[in-house]
Amino acid sequence: MTKVLSVSAVDRSFAGRQVLKDVTFDVTAGRMTGFVGANGAGKTTTMRIVLGVLAADSGEVTWGGVPLTRAERQAFGYMPEERGLYPKMSVREQVVYLGRLHGLSAAEAKRSADDLLERVGLGERADSTLETLSLGNQQRAQVVAALVHDPEVLVLDEPFSGLDPMAVDNVVTVLRERARAGTAVLFSSHQLDVVERLCDDLVIIADGTIRAAGEREALRTRYARRQFELAVDSDLGWLRDRPATTMVDLDGRRAVVELEDGADDQELLRDALARGPVRTFRPVVPTLAEIFREVTQ
């Protein structure tokens, strides 16, 4: 049976102010779960509760249906948003050290560290001290430190912050491989375009409450409006006067329209074909940014 990390009905308050309210979602082994929300929405607090750094006021976190113990949490991989590695220690040395702390032998830790550093593009800087690296390369080193012991659960808080597009691609490739191998990956990011292409599942949080959660494509379907893109070889001005049809965008011979509930999209296609060839006719699926705006406003 596929293991699931479940956050169930978690509440948390600080100084009398409730910052998490009935937070509930799942992270499935072998899948990438994107966790998105504005600053202060509750992402980091939730992740710290998952890892046992903070205690929930109520609710629970389970792995495979069993409440987490301290030992299980210590085996998780975690990358905090704040950089936490040792600035005057070489990259390889501290990654190996962290691997040893997680129970790897010296040889296993070095082999894993060297492989991961090479994979994320830091192989040539493995013996450099952290403080001599650019902020982006320090971020890559943090990702490697979270991965070195091959954790079953990986929790990453803003792993792509400060990375250039090539570095993002390197890290994304490694994370996808880990997920395919069975790791449950939960990551937060403000880069919604990266989340959209990387995540299998999505969780959106705002003001300490979960506003949407589920499989990425299912959410895109759920929040889709009845909008259609139409591209033809002739003028599309006739759409303005068509019943039950609202023009959303018109750019030459391409238009996006929204149909009222009950209006037949196939009838729209027939109307277009009656006026000439149709090059494109397809539903418009919302982007993650559009879903985010809709559920958080």
C-alpha atoms as a PDB file:
ATOM      1  CA  MET A   1       0.000   0.000   0.000  1.00  0.00           C
ATOM      2  CA  THR A   2       1.271   3.485  -0.889  1.00  0.00           C
ATOM      3  CA  LYS A   3       2.167   5.449   2.212  1.00  0.00           C
ATOM      4  CA  VAL A   4       0.523   8.809   2.818  1.00  0.00           C
ATOM      5  CA  LEU A   5       1.649  11.656   5.047  1.00  0.00           C
ATOM      6  CA  SER A   6      -1.613  13.043   6.429  1.00  0.00           C
ATOM      7  CA  VAL A   7      -2.061  16.391   8.142  1.00  0.00           C
ATOM      8  CA  SER A   8      -5.441  16.194   9.879  1.00  0.00           C
ATOM      9  CA  ALA A   9      -7.428  19.036  11.494  1.00  0.00           C
ATOM     10  CA  VAL A  10      -4.325  20.852  12.721  1.00  0.00           C
ATOM     11  CA  ASP A  11      -4.787  24.082  14.691  1.00  0.00           C
ATOM     12  CA  ARG A  12      -2.073  26.354  16.031  1.00  0.00           C
ATOM     13  CA  SER A  13      -2.089  29.720  17.797  1.00  0.00           C
ATOM     14  CA  PHE A  14       0.655  32.137  18.835  1.00  0.00           C
ATOM     15  CA  ALA A  15       0.029  34.628  21.655  1.00  0.00           C
ATOM     16  CA  GLY A  16      -3.716  34.137  21.341  1.00  0.00           C
ATOM     17  CA  ARG A  17      -3.781  34.592  17.551  1.00  0.00           C
ATOM     18  CA  GLN A  18      -4.835  31.525  15.581  1.00  0.00           C
ATOM     19  CA  VAL A  19      -2.503  31.030  12.630  1.00  0.00           C
ATOM     20  CA  LEU A  20      -3.649  27.558  11.502  1.00  0.00           C
ATOM     21  CA  LYS A  21      -7.312  26.536  11.427  1.00  0.00           C
ATOM     22  CA  ASP A  22      -8.349  22.933  10.731  1.00  0.00           C
ATOM     23  CA  VAL A  23      -5.468  22.397   8.286  1.00  0.00           C
ATOM     24  CA  THR A  24      -5.998  19.096   6.488  1.00  0.00           C
ATOM     25  CA  PHE A  25      -4.246  17.640   3.423  1.00  0.00           C
ATOM     26  CA  ASP A  26      -2.293  14.574   2.235  1.00  0.00           C
ATOM     27  CA  VAL A  27       1.161  14.076   0.741  1.00  0.00           C
ATOM     28  CA  THR A  28       1.413  10.757  -1.098  1.00  0.00           C
ATOM     29  CA  ALA A  29       4.596   8.716  -1.485  1.00  0.00           C
ATOM     30  CA  GLY A  30       5.900   8.890  -5.031  1.00  0.00           C
ATOM     31  CA  ARG A  31       4.244  12.249  -5.714  1.00  0.00           C
ATOM     32  CA  MET A  32       5.279  15.892  -5.600  1.00  0.00           C
ATOM     33  CA  THR A  33       2.942  18.112  -3.584  1.00  0.00           C
ATOM     34  CA  GLY A  34       3.220  21.863  -4.084  1.00  0.00           C
ATOM     35  CA  PHE A  35       2.266  23.974  -1.058  1.00  0.00           C
ATOM     36  CA  VAL A  36       1.505  27.571  -1.988  1.00  0.00           C
ATOM     37  CA  GLY A  37       0.291  30.649  -0.188  1.00  0.00           C
ATOM     38  CA  ALA A  38       1.193  34.271   0.413  1.00  0.00           C
ATOM     39  CA  ASN A  39       3.706  35.332   3.057  1.00  0.00           C
ATOM     40  CA  GLY A  40       2.200  34.685   6.477  1.00  0.00           C
ATOM     41  CA  ALA A  41      -0.397  32.240   5.167  1.00  0.00           C
ATOM     42  CA  GLY A  42       0.845  29.396   7.389  1.00  0.00           C
ATOM     43  CA  LYS A  43       3.104  27.321   5.129  1.00  0.00           C
ATOM     44  CA  THR A  44       6.223  27.350   7.278  1.00  0.00           C
ATOM     45  CA  THR A  45       4.278  26.812  10.511  1.00  0.00           C
ATOM     46  CA  THR A  46       2.563  23.788   8.961  1.00  0.00           C
ATOM     47  CA  MET A  47       5.864  22.349   7.753  1.00  0.00           C
ATOM     48  CA  ARG A  48       7.427  22.794  11.195  1.00  0.00           C
ATOM     49  CA  ILE A  49       4.505  20.942  12.772  1.00  0.00           C
ATOM     50  CA  VAL A  50       4.922  18.113  10.251  1.00  0.00           C
ATOM     51  CA  LEU A  51       8.574  17.870  11.288  1.00  0.00           C
ATOM     52  CA  GLY A  52       7.872  18.133  15.019  1.00  0.00           C
ATOM     53  CA  VAL A  53       9.771  21.421  15.378  1.00  0.00           C
ATOM     54  CA  LEU A  54       6.491  22.941  16.586  1.00  0.00           C
ATOM     55  CA  ALA A  55       3.614  21.171  18.327  1.00  0.00           C
ATOM     56  CA  ALA A  56       0.050  21.509  17.093  1.00  0.00           C
ATOM     57  CA  ASP A  57      -2.563  22.791  19.531  1.00  0.00           C
ATOM     58  CA  SER A  58      -4.886  20.109  18.150  1.00  0.00           C
ATOM     59  CA  GLY A  59      -5.041  17.663  15.262  1.00  0.00           C
ATOM     60  CA  GLU A  60      -2.385  15.149  14.214  1.00  0.00           C
ATOM     61  CA  VAL A  61       0.171  14.226  11.589  1.00  0.00           C
ATOM     62  CA  THR A  62       0.458  10.584  10.528  1.00  0.00           C
ATOM     63  CA  TRP A  63       2.688   8.618   8.156  1.00  0.00           C
ATOM     64  CA  GLY A  64       1.144   5.477   6.740  1.00  0.00           C
ATOM     65  CA  GLY A  65      -1.803   5.901   9.114  1.00  0.00           C
ATOM     66  CA  VAL A  66       0.411   5.873  12.232  1.00  0.00           C
ATOM     67  CA  PRO A  67       1.165   8.957  14.373  1.00  0.00           C
ATOM     68  CA  LEU A  68       4.722  10.140  13.818  1.00  0.00           C
ATOM     69  CA  THR A  69       7.394   9.453  16.400  1.00  0.00           C
ATOM     70  CA  ARG A  70      10.482  11.554  16.972  1.00  0.00           C
ATOM     71  CA  ALA A  71      12.668   8.845  15.412  1.00  0.00           C
ATOM     72  CA  GLU A  72      10.603   8.777  12.214  1.00  0.00           C
ATOM     73  CA  ARG A  73      10.685  12.547  11.913  1.00  0.00           C
ATOM     74  CA  GLN A  74      14.469  12.564  12.350  1.00  0.00           C
ATOM     75  CA  ALA A  75      14.707  10.368   9.255  1.00  0.00           C
ATOM     76  CA  PHE A  76      12.794  12.922   7.154  1.00  0.00           C
ATOM     77  CA  GLY A  77      14.645  15.289   4.865  1.00  0.00           C
ATOM     78  CA  TYR A  78      14.110  18.978   5.625  1.00  0.00           C
ATOM     79  CA  MET A  79      15.280  22.158   3.985  1.00  0.00           C
ATOM     80  CA  PRO A  80      14.314  25.291   5.931  1.00  0.00           C
ATOM     81  CA  GLU A  81      13.763  28.602   4.178  1.00  0.00           C
ATOM     82  CA  GLU A  82      16.576  30.133   6.253  1.00  0.00           C
ATOM     83  CA  ARG A  83      20.004  28.853   5.270  1.00  0.00           C
ATOM     84  CA  GLY A  84      21.349  26.706   8.092  1.00  0.00           C
ATOM     85  CA  LEU A  85      24.621  25.155   6.915  1.00  0.00           C
ATOM     86  CA  TYR A  86      28.052  25.998   8.321  1.00  0.00           C
ATOM     87  CA  PRO A  87      29.622  28.880   6.340  1.00  0.00           C
ATOM     88  CA  LYS A  88      33.288  28.027   7.040  1.00  0.00           C
ATOM     89  CA  MET A  89      32.974  24.291   6.406  1.00  0.00           C
ATOM     90  CA  SER A  90      33.445  22.770   2.949  1.00  0.00           C
ATOM     91  CA  VAL A  91      30.307  21.737   1.120  1.00  0.00           C
ATOM     92  CA  ARG A  92      31.248  18.064   0.814  1.00  0.00           C
ATOM     93  CA  GLU A  93      32.451  17.832   4.407  1.00  0.00           C
ATOM     94  CA  GLN A  94      29.213  19.079   5.920  1.00  0.00           C
ATOM     95  CA  VAL A  95      26.936  17.114   3.592  1.00  0.00           C
ATOM     96  CA  VAL A  96      28.846  13.947   4.519  1.00  0.00           C
ATOM     97  CA  TYR A  97      28.627  14.913   8.194  1.00  0.00           C
ATOM     98  CA  LEU A  98      24.837  15.324   7.946  1.00  0.00           C
ATOM     99  CA  GLY A  99      24.575  11.982   6.149  1.00  0.00           C
ATOM    100  CA  ARG A 100      26.477  10.347   9.023  1.00  0.00           C
ATOM    101  CA  LEU A 101      24.092  11.932  11.526  1.00  0.00           C
ATOM    102  CA  HIS A 102      21.255  10.234   9.657  1.00  0.00           C
ATOM    103  CA  GLY A 103      22.889   6.829  10.043  1.00  0.00           C
ATOM    104  CA  LEU A 104      24.915   6.431   6.838  1.00  0.00           C
ATOM    105  CA  SER A 105      28.401   4.957   6.967  1.00  0.00           C
ATOM    106  CA  ALA A 106      31.280   7.253   6.003  1.00  0.00           C
ATOM    107  CA  ALA A 107      31.544   5.582   2.589  1.00  0.00           C
ATOM    108  CA  GLU A 108      27.788   5.725   1.976  1.00  0.00           C
ATOM    109  CA  ALA A 109      27.594   9.376   2.994  1.00  0.00           C
ATOM    110  CA  LYS A 110      30.508  10.379   0.751  1.00  0.00           C
ATOM    111  CA  ARG A 111      29.137   8.421  -2.207  1.00  0.00           C
ATOM    112  CA  SER A 112      25.697   9.983  -1.828  1.00  0.00           C
ATOM    113  CA  ALA A 113      27.116  13.485  -1.285  1.00  0.00           C
ATOM    114  CA  ASP A 114      29.391  13.321  -4.340  1.00  0.00           C
ATOM    115  CA  ASP A 115      26.608  11.999  -6.555  1.00  0.00           C
ATOM    116  CA  LEU A 116      24.113  14.658  -5.495  1.00  0.00           C
ATOM    117  CA  LEU A 117      26.606  17.526  -5.654  1.00  0.00           C
ATOM    118  CA  GLU A 118      27.465  16.494  -9.197  1.00  0.00           C
ATOM    119  CA  ARG A 119      23.792  16.216 -10.126  1.00  0.00           C
ATOM    120  CA  VAL A 120      22.937  19.734  -8.987  1.00  0.00           C
ATOM    121  CA  GLY A 121      26.002  21.266 -10.635  1.00  0.00           C
ATOM    122  CA  LEU A 122      28.219  21.673  -7.558  1.00  0.00           C
ATOM    123  CA  GLY A 123      30.725  18.908  -8.236  1.00  0.00           C
ATOM    124  CA  GLU A 124      33.545  21.353  -8.996  1.00  0.00           C
ATOM    125  CA  ARG A 125      32.822  23.361  -5.818  1.00  0.00           C
ATOM    126  CA  ALA A 126      32.509  20.401  -3.438  1.00  0.00           C
ATOM    127  CA  ASP A 127      35.677  21.351  -1.546  1.00  0.00           C
ATOM    128  CA  SER A 128      34.857  25.069  -1.365  1.00  0.00           C
ATOM    129  CA  THR A 129      33.632  26.538   1.886  1.00  0.00           C
ATOM    130  CA  LEU A 130      29.982  27.474   1.860  1.00  0.00           C
ATOM    131  CA  GLU A 131      30.657  31.177   2.430  1.00  0.00           C
ATOM    132  CA  THR A 132      32.623  31.396  -0.838  1.00  0.00           C
ATOM    133  CA  LEU A 133      29.634  30.230  -2.886  1.00  0.00           C
ATOM    134  CA  SER A 134      26.996  32.448  -4.461  1.00  0.00           C
ATOM    135  CA  LEU A 135      23.609  32.515  -2.728  1.00  0.00           C
ATOM    136  CA  GLY A 136      22.175  30.328  -5.484  1.00  0.00           C
ATOM    137  CA  ASN A 137      24.902  27.720  -5.033  1.00  0.00           C
ATOM    138  CA  GLN A 138      24.401  27.804  -1.275  1.00  0.00           C
ATOM    139  CA  GLN A 139      20.750  27.017  -1.974  1.00  0.00           C
ATOM    140  CA  ARG A 140      21.745  24.013  -4.075  1.00  0.00           C
ATOM    141  CA  ALA A 141      23.947  22.787  -1.226  1.00  0.00           C
ATOM    142  CA  GLN A 142      20.988  23.032   1.151  1.00  0.00           C
ATOM    143  CA  VAL A 143      18.905  20.852  -1.180  1.00  0.00           C
ATOM    144  CA  VAL A 144      21.695  18.249  -1.273  1.00  0.00           C
ATOM    145  CA  ALA A 145      21.905  18.285   2.535  1.00  0.00           C
ATOM    146  CA  ALA A 146      18.190  17.468   2.749  1.00  0.00           C
ATOM    147  CA  LEU A 147      18.537  14.611   0.253  1.00  0.00           C
ATOM    148  CA  VAL A 148      21.815  12.973   1.254  1.00  0.00           C
ATOM    149  CA  HIS A 149      20.292  10.201   3.398  1.00  0.00           C
ATOM    150  CA  ASP A 150      17.593   9.283   0.835  1.00  0.00           C
ATOM    151  CA  PRO A 151      14.602  10.143   3.056  1.00  0.00           C
ATOM    152  CA  GLU A 152      11.145   8.626   2.663  1.00  0.00           C
ATOM    153  CA  VAL A 153       9.608  12.060   3.266  1.00  0.00           C
ATOM    154  CA  LEU A 154      11.153  15.276   1.981  1.00  0.00           C
ATOM    155  CA  VAL A 155       9.947  18.694   3.170  1.00  0.00           C
ATOM    156  CA  LEU A 156      11.392  21.704   1.339  1.00  0.00           C
ATOM    157  CA  ASP A 157      10.596  25.311   2.268  1.00  0.00           C
ATOM    158  CA  GLU A 158      11.240  27.564  -0.767  1.00  0.00           C
ATOM    159  CA  PRO A 159      13.868  25.283  -2.375  1.00  0.00           C
ATOM    160  CA  PHE A 160      14.079  27.339  -5.601  1.00  0.00           C
ATOM    161  CA  SER A 161      14.662  30.735  -3.981  1.00  0.00           C
ATOM    162  CA  GLY A 162      17.669  32.465  -5.550  1.00  0.00           C
ATOM    163  CA  LEU A 163      18.222  29.818  -8.232  1.00  0.00           C
ATOM    164  CA  ASP A 164      18.723  30.736 -11.875  1.00  0.00           C
ATOM    165  CA  PRO A 165      16.646  28.829 -14.471  1.00  0.00           C
ATOM    166  CA  MET A 166      19.393  26.268 -15.153  1.00  0.00           C
ATOM    167  CA  ALA A 167      19.856  25.561 -11.445  1.00  0.00           C
ATOM    168  CA  VAL A 168      16.079  25.211 -11.034  1.00  0.00           C
ATOM    169  CA  ASP A 169      16.068  22.613 -13.807  1.00  0.00           C
ATOM    170  CA  ASN A 170      18.917  20.679 -12.152  1.00  0.00           C
ATOM    171  CA  VAL A 171      17.148  20.598  -8.793  1.00  0.00           C
ATOM    172  CA  VAL A 172      13.777  19.768 -10.371  1.00  0.00           C
ATOM    173  CA  THR A 173      15.324  16.776 -12.168  1.00  0.00           C
ATOM    174  CA  VAL A 174      16.740  15.385  -8.911  1.00  0.00           C
ATOM    175  CA  LEU A 175      13.467  15.903  -7.018  1.00  0.00           C
ATOM    176  CA  ARG A 176      11.420  14.222  -9.735  1.00  0.00           C
ATOM    177  CA  GLU A 177      13.730  11.209  -9.656  1.00  0.00           C
ATOM    178  CA  ARG A 178      13.332  10.939  -5.886  1.00  0.00           C
ATOM    179  CA  ALA A 179       9.565  11.119  -6.185  1.00  0.00           C
ATOM    180  CA  ARG A 180       9.550   8.428  -8.880  1.00  0.00           C
ATOM    181  CA  ALA A 181      11.612   6.248  -6.528  1.00  0.00           C
ATOM    182  CA  GLY A 182       8.858   6.539  -3.899  1.00  0.00           C
ATOM    183  CA  THR A 183       9.720   9.593  -1.798  1.00  0.00           C
ATOM    184  CA  ALA A 184       6.830  11.756  -0.595  1.00  0.00           C
ATOM    185  CA  VAL A 185       7.826  15.335  -1.466  1.00  0.00           C
ATOM    186  CA  LEU A 186       6.204  18.439   0.018  1.00  0.00           C
ATOM    187  CA  PHE A 187       7.615  21.748  -1.166  1.00  0.00           C
ATOM    188  CA  SER A 188       6.586  25.376  -0.946  1.00  0.00           C
ATOM    189  CA  SER A 189       7.425  28.037  -3.496  1.00  0.00           C
ATOM    190  CA  HIS A 190       6.390  31.510  -4.565  1.00  0.00           C
ATOM    191  CA  GLN A 191       7.367  30.625  -8.149  1.00  0.00           C
ATOM    192  CA  LEU A 192       3.960  29.436  -9.322  1.00  0.00           C
ATOM    193  CA  ASP A 193       5.217  28.578 -12.807  1.00  0.00           C
ATOM    194  CA  VAL A 194       7.709  26.122 -11.283  1.00  0.00           C
ATOM    195  CA  VAL A 195       5.047  24.649  -8.986  1.00  0.00           C
ATOM    196  CA  GLU A 196       2.686  24.228 -11.937  1.00  0.00           C
ATOM    197  CA  ARG A 197       5.128  22.191 -14.013  1.00  0.00           C
ATOM    198  CA  LEU A 198       6.572  20.245 -11.097  1.00  0.00           C
ATOM    199  CA  CYS A 199       3.735  19.265  -8.757  1.00  0.00           C
ATOM    200  CA  ASP A 200       1.450  16.253  -9.054  1.00  0.00           C
ATOM    201  CA  ASP A 201      -0.765  17.533  -6.258  1.00  0.00           C
ATOM    202  CA  LEU A 202      -1.434  21.020  -4.985  1.00  0.00           C
ATOM    203  CA  VAL A 203      -2.355  22.571  -1.642  1.00  0.00           C
ATOM    204  CA  ILE A 204      -3.312  26.263  -1.414  1.00  0.00           C
ATOM    205  CA  ILE A 205      -3.394  27.944   1.994  1.00  0.00           C
ATOM    206  CA  ALA A 206      -4.558  31.461   2.915  1.00  0.00           C
ATOM    207  CA  ASP A 207      -5.042  33.028   6.350  1.00  0.00           C
ATOM    208  CA  GLY A 208      -4.207  29.702   7.986  1.00  0.00           C
ATOM    209  CA  THR A 209      -6.918  27.698   6.207  1.00  0.00           C
ATOM    210  CA  ILE A 210      -6.727  25.315   3.264  1.00  0.00           C
ATOM    211  CA  ARG A 211      -8.581  26.868   0.344  1.00  0.00           C
ATOM    212  CA  ALA A 212      -7.991  24.109  -2.221  1.00  0.00           C
ATOM    213  CA  ALA A 213      -6.237  20.737  -2.252  1.00  0.00           C
ATOM    214  CA  GLY A 214      -6.038  17.849  -4.678  1.00  0.00           C
ATOM    215  CA  GLU A 215      -4.538  16.497  -7.866  1.00  0.00           C
ATOM    216  CA  ARG A 216      -3.288  19.308 -10.089  1.00  0.00           C
ATOM    217  CA  GLU A 217      -5.293  18.554 -13.217  1.00  0.00           C
ATOM    218  CA  ALA A 218      -8.435  17.803 -11.213  1.00  0.00           C
ATOM    219  CA  LEU A 219      -8.169  21.236  -9.599  1.00  0.00           C
ATOM    220  CA  ARG A 220      -7.666  22.889 -12.980  1.00  0.00           C
ATOM    221  CA  THR A 221     -10.802  21.164 -14.232  1.00  0.00           C
ATOM    222  CA  ARG A 222     -12.779  22.030 -11.085  1.00  0.00           C
ATOM    223  CA  TYR A 223     -11.966  25.729 -11.306  1.00  0.00           C
ATOM    224  CA  ALA A 224     -12.260  26.036 -15.075  1.00  0.00           C
ATOM    225  CA  ARG A 225     -14.842  28.478 -16.352  1.00  0.00           C
ATOM    226  CA  ARG A 226     -16.789  27.766 -19.532  1.00  0.00           C
ATOM    227  CA  GLN A 227     -14.205  29.522 -21.642  1.00  0.00           C
ATOM    228  CA  PHE A 228     -13.117  28.443 -25.123  1.00  0.00           C
ATOM    229  CA  GLU A 229     -10.347  29.512 -27.454  1.00  0.00           C
ATOM    230  CA  LEU A 230     -11.327  29.860 -31.103  1.00  0.00           C
ATOM    231  CA  ALA A 231      -8.939  30.568 -33.986  1.00  0.00           C
ATOM    232  CA  VAL A 232     -10.161  30.925 -37.568  1.00  0.00           C
ATOM    233  CA  ASP A 233      -9.135  32.433 -40.926  1.00  0.00           C
ATOM    234  CA  SER A 234     -11.735  35.218 -40.876  1.00  0.00           C
ATOM    235  CA  ASP A 235     -13.107  38.014 -38.707  1.00  0.00           C
ATOM    236  CA  LEU A 236     -14.530  37.025 -35.323  1.00  0.00           C
ATOM    237  CA  GLY A 237     -16.489  40.167 -34.607  1.00  0.00           C
ATOM    238  CA  TRP A 238     -19.756  38.223 -34.907  1.00  0.00           C
ATOM    239  CA  LEU A 239     -19.026  36.676 -31.506  1.00  0.00           C
ATOM    240  CA  ARG A 240     -19.868  40.005 -29.814  1.00  0.00           C
ATOM    241  CA  ASP A 241     -23.517  39.660 -30.823  1.00  0.00           C
ATOM    242  CA  ARG A 242     -23.849  35.931 -30.234  1.00  0.00           C
ATOM    243  CA  PRO A 243     -26.406  35.017 -27.526  1.00  0.00           C
ATOM    244  CA  ALA A 244     -25.127  33.551 -24.225  1.00  0.00           C
ATOM    245  CA  THR A 245     -21.558  34.423 -25.238  1.00  0.00           C
ATOM    246  CA  THR A 246     -19.170  36.917 -23.627  1.00  0.00           C
ATOM    247  CA  MET A 247     -16.013  38.054 -25.374  1.00  0.00           C
ATOM    248  CA  VAL A 248     -13.068  37.658 -23.007  1.00  0.00           C
ATOM    249  CA  ASP A 249     -10.244  38.390 -25.435  1.00  0.00           C
ATOM    250  CA  LEU A 250      -9.991  39.175 -29.144  1.00  0.00           C
ATOM    251  CA  ASP A 251      -6.681  39.286 -30.996  1.00  0.00           C
ATOM    252  CA  GLY A 252      -7.147  39.363 -34.743  1.00  0.00           C
ATOM    253  CA  ARG A 253      -8.487  35.987 -35.801  1.00  0.00           C
ATOM    254  CA  ARG A 254      -8.162  34.444 -32.353  1.00  0.00           C
ATOM    255  CA  ALA A 255     -10.693  34.899 -29.565  1.00  0.00           C
ATOM    256  CA  VAL A 256     -11.456  33.610 -26.085  1.00  0.00           C
ATOM    257  CA  VAL A 257     -15.139  33.559 -25.165  1.00  0.00           C
ATOM    258  CA  GLU A 258     -17.096  32.504 -22.106  1.00  0.00           C
ATOM    259  CA  LEU A 259     -20.401  30.666 -22.479  1.00  0.00           C
ATOM    260  CA  GLU A 260     -23.257  30.958 -20.043  1.00  0.00           C
ATOM    261  CA  ASP A 261     -24.289  27.847 -18.135  1.00  0.00           C
ATOM    262  CA  GLY A 262     -26.416  25.656 -20.384  1.00  0.00           C
ATOM    263  CA  ALA A 263     -25.039  27.065 -23.637  1.00  0.00           C
ATOM    264  CA  ASP A 264     -23.828  24.349 -26.024  1.00  0.00           C
ATOM    265  CA  ASP A 265     -20.146  24.628 -26.913  1.00  0.00           C
ATOM    266  CA  GLN A 266     -20.675  22.379 -29.941  1.00  0.00           C
ATOM    267  CA  GLU A 267     -23.218  24.847 -31.261  1.00  0.00           C
ATOM    268  CA  LEU A 268     -20.556  27.541 -31.007  1.00  0.00           C
ATOM    269  CA  LEU A 269     -18.226  25.341 -33.037  1.00  0.00           C
ATOM    270  CA  ARG A 270     -20.927  24.781 -35.663  1.00  0.00           C
ATOM    271  CA  ASP A 271     -21.529  28.530 -35.916  1.00  0.00           C
ATOM    272  CA  ALA A 272     -17.818  29.078 -36.496  1.00  0.00           C
ATOM    273  CA  LEU A 273     -17.549  26.290 -39.098  1.00  0.00           C
ATOM    274  CA  ALA A 274     -20.474  27.783 -40.996  1.00  0.00           C
ATOM    275  CA  ARG A 275     -18.317  30.880 -41.547  1.00  0.00           C
ATOM    276  CA  GLY A 276     -15.173  29.048 -42.692  1.00  0.00           C
ATOM    277  CA  PRO A 277     -12.311  26.815 -41.539  1.00  0.00           C
ATOM    278  CA  VAL A 278     -11.617  26.540 -37.807  1.00  0.00           C
ATOM    279  CA  ARG A 279      -7.949  26.238 -36.882  1.00  0.00           C
ATOM    280  CA  THR A 280      -8.340  25.921 -33.093  1.00  0.00           C
ATOM    281  CA  PHE A 281     -11.251  25.148 -30.808  1.00  0.00           C
ATOM    282  CA  ARG A 282     -10.484  24.083 -27.256  1.00  0.00           C
ATOM    283  CA  PRO A 283     -11.474  24.750 -23.655  1.00  0.00           C
ATOM    284  CA  VAL A 284      -9.326  27.218 -21.728  1.00  0.00           C
ATOM    285  CA  VAL A 285      -7.871  25.556 -18.633  1.00  0.00           C
ATOM    286  CA  PRO A 286      -6.928  27.945 -15.789  1.00  0.00           C
ATOM    287  CA  THR A 287      -3.318  28.345 -14.731  1.00  0.00           C
ATOM    288  CA  LEU A 288      -2.235  27.771 -11.155  1.00  0.00           C
ATOM    289  CA  ALA A 289      -1.888  31.545 -10.721  1.00  0.00           C
ATOM    290  CA  GLU A 290      -5.515  32.038 -11.789  1.00  0.00           C
ATOM    291  CA  ILE A 291      -6.768  29.311  -9.412  1.00  0.00           C
ATOM    292  CA  PHE A 292      -4.660  30.802  -6.622  1.00  0.00           C
ATOM    293  CA  ARG A 293      -6.182  34.250  -7.136  1.00  0.00           C
ATOM    294  CA  GLU A 294      -9.712  32.850  -7.266  1.00  0.00           C
ATOM    295  CA  VAL A 295      -9.545  30.812  -4.061  1.00  0.00           C
ATOM    296  CA  THR A 296      -7.578  33.326  -1.981  1.00  0.00           C
ATOM    297  CA  GLN A 297      -9.433  36.546  -2.782  1.00  0.00           C
END
